[in-house]
Amino acid sequence: MITANDANLWVADDRGHQLLGREVVQPSSGRRGTVATVLIYTSKTTDKVVKRVAHMRPMDDSGREWTADPGSLQPLRPSASNVAADTR
C-alpha cells in the first residue's frame, strides 16, 4: 500500500551494504535470516535519507520473510575482513 508520505520518497537498493547475503539475528525478536536486500528511502524534497529497511529471508523454513532496521541486526558470523584483522 502506498501512502502520501511514500510518494515523496525515492527508493533505491543499497547494493554495497555490509550485511547483504549474510546470516543475521534480530535481537528484539530472536528471528534469524539472510539479508536479501537493503532499501534506502530518500526524501525527494530534502534529499536526505529518511530510513533504511533490510528485507530478510528466514532460516527456520517458516517461509515468513520480514523487514527490520539494518542497524538493529547482528551478524551470526564475523565477516572475512573482520577475521583477517583479528588474526594479524
Protein backbone atom coordinates (compact mmCIF):
# COMPACT_ATOMS: atom_id res chain seq x y z
CA MET A 1 0.00 0.00 0.00
CA ILE A 2 1.40 3.40 -0.99
CA THR A 3 0.79 6.32 1.37
CA ALA A 4 1.08 10.06 0.73
CA ASN A 5 4.43 10.07 2.54
CA ASP A 6 5.77 7.28 0.31
CA ALA A 7 5.03 9.38 -2.78
CA ASN A 8 7.61 11.92 -1.53
CA LEU A 9 10.41 9.35 -1.27
CA TRP A 10 12.97 7.90 -3.66
CA VAL A 11 13.67 4.21 -3.03
CA ALA A 12 16.96 2.58 -4.06
CA ASP A 13 18.87 -0.63 -3.34
CA ASP A 14 21.90 -0.31 -1.08
CA ARG A 15 23.95 -2.76 -3.16
CA GLY A 16 27.08 -2.23 -1.10
CA HIS A 17 25.57 -2.78 2.35
CA GLN A 18 27.86 -4.88 4.56
CA LEU A 19 25.06 -7.26 5.63
CA LEU A 20 23.85 -8.26 2.14
CA GLY A 21 23.79 -12.03 1.82
CA ARG A 22 24.83 -12.51 5.43
CA GLU A 23 23.10 -14.54 8.09
CA VAL A 24 21.85 -12.27 10.87
CA VAL A 25 19.78 -12.29 14.04
CA GLN A 26 17.28 -9.63 15.03
CA PRO A 27 17.82 -9.49 18.82
CA SER A 28 14.41 -7.94 19.60
CA SER A 29 12.52 -10.86 18.04
CA GLY A 30 15.15 -13.61 18.09
CA ARG A 31 14.47 -14.31 14.40
CA ARG A 32 17.34 -15.44 12.20
CA GLY A 33 17.59 -14.92 8.49
CA THR A 34 19.65 -13.96 5.48
CA VAL A 35 19.64 -10.33 4.34
CA ALA A 36 18.22 -10.36 0.80
CA THR A 37 18.22 -6.61 0.17
CA VAL A 38 18.54 -3.28 1.94
CA LEU A 39 16.45 -0.38 0.66
CA ILE A 40 17.28 3.29 1.17
CA TYR A 41 14.37 5.74 1.36
CA THR A 42 15.41 9.31 0.49
CA SER A 43 13.23 12.43 0.70
CA LYS A 44 12.54 13.97 -2.72
CA THR A 45 12.33 17.44 -1.18
CA THR A 46 15.37 17.44 1.14
CA ASP A 47 17.49 14.71 -0.49
CA LYS A 48 18.17 13.27 2.99
CA VAL A 49 17.94 9.58 3.87
CA VAL A 50 14.71 9.05 5.80
CA LYS A 51 15.16 5.35 6.59
CA ARG A 52 16.85 2.11 5.59
CA VAL A 53 14.97 -1.18 5.57
CA ALA A 54 16.53 -4.65 5.43
CA HIS A 55 14.50 -7.50 3.93
CA MET A 56 15.29 -10.93 5.36
CA ARG A 57 14.63 -14.49 4.30
CA PRO A 58 14.07 -16.80 7.26
CA MET A 59 16.49 -19.56 8.22
CA ASP A 60 13.81 -21.57 10.06
CA ASP A 61 11.94 -22.82 6.97
CA SER A 62 8.83 -20.87 8.07
CA GLY A 63 8.73 -19.02 4.76
CA ARG A 64 7.80 -15.83 6.61
CA GLU A 65 10.05 -13.07 5.30
CA TRP A 66 10.28 -9.88 7.34
CA THR A 67 11.81 -6.41 7.42
CA ALA A 68 13.86 -4.58 10.02
CA ASP A 69 16.12 -1.61 10.54
CA PRO A 70 19.52 -2.90 9.35
CA GLY A 71 21.15 -1.13 12.31
CA SER A 72 19.28 -3.46 14.67
CA LEU A 73 20.66 -6.65 13.07
CA GLN A 74 23.66 -8.61 14.28
CA PRO A 75 25.69 -10.92 12.03
CA LEU A 76 25.75 -14.55 13.18
CA ARG A 77 29.34 -14.95 11.97
CA PRO A 78 32.12 -12.39 11.66
CA SER A 79 32.87 -11.17 8.16
CA ALA A 80 36.03 -12.34 6.41
CA SER A 81 37.56 -8.85 6.71
CA ASN A 82 36.98 -8.85 10.50
CA VAL A 83 38.51 -12.32 10.87
CA ALA A 84 41.59 -11.28 8.87
CA ALA A 85 42.05 -8.18 11.03
CA ASP A 86 41.77 -10.24 14.24
CA THR A 87 44.48 -12.71 13.17
CA ARG A 88 47.13 -10.07 12.43
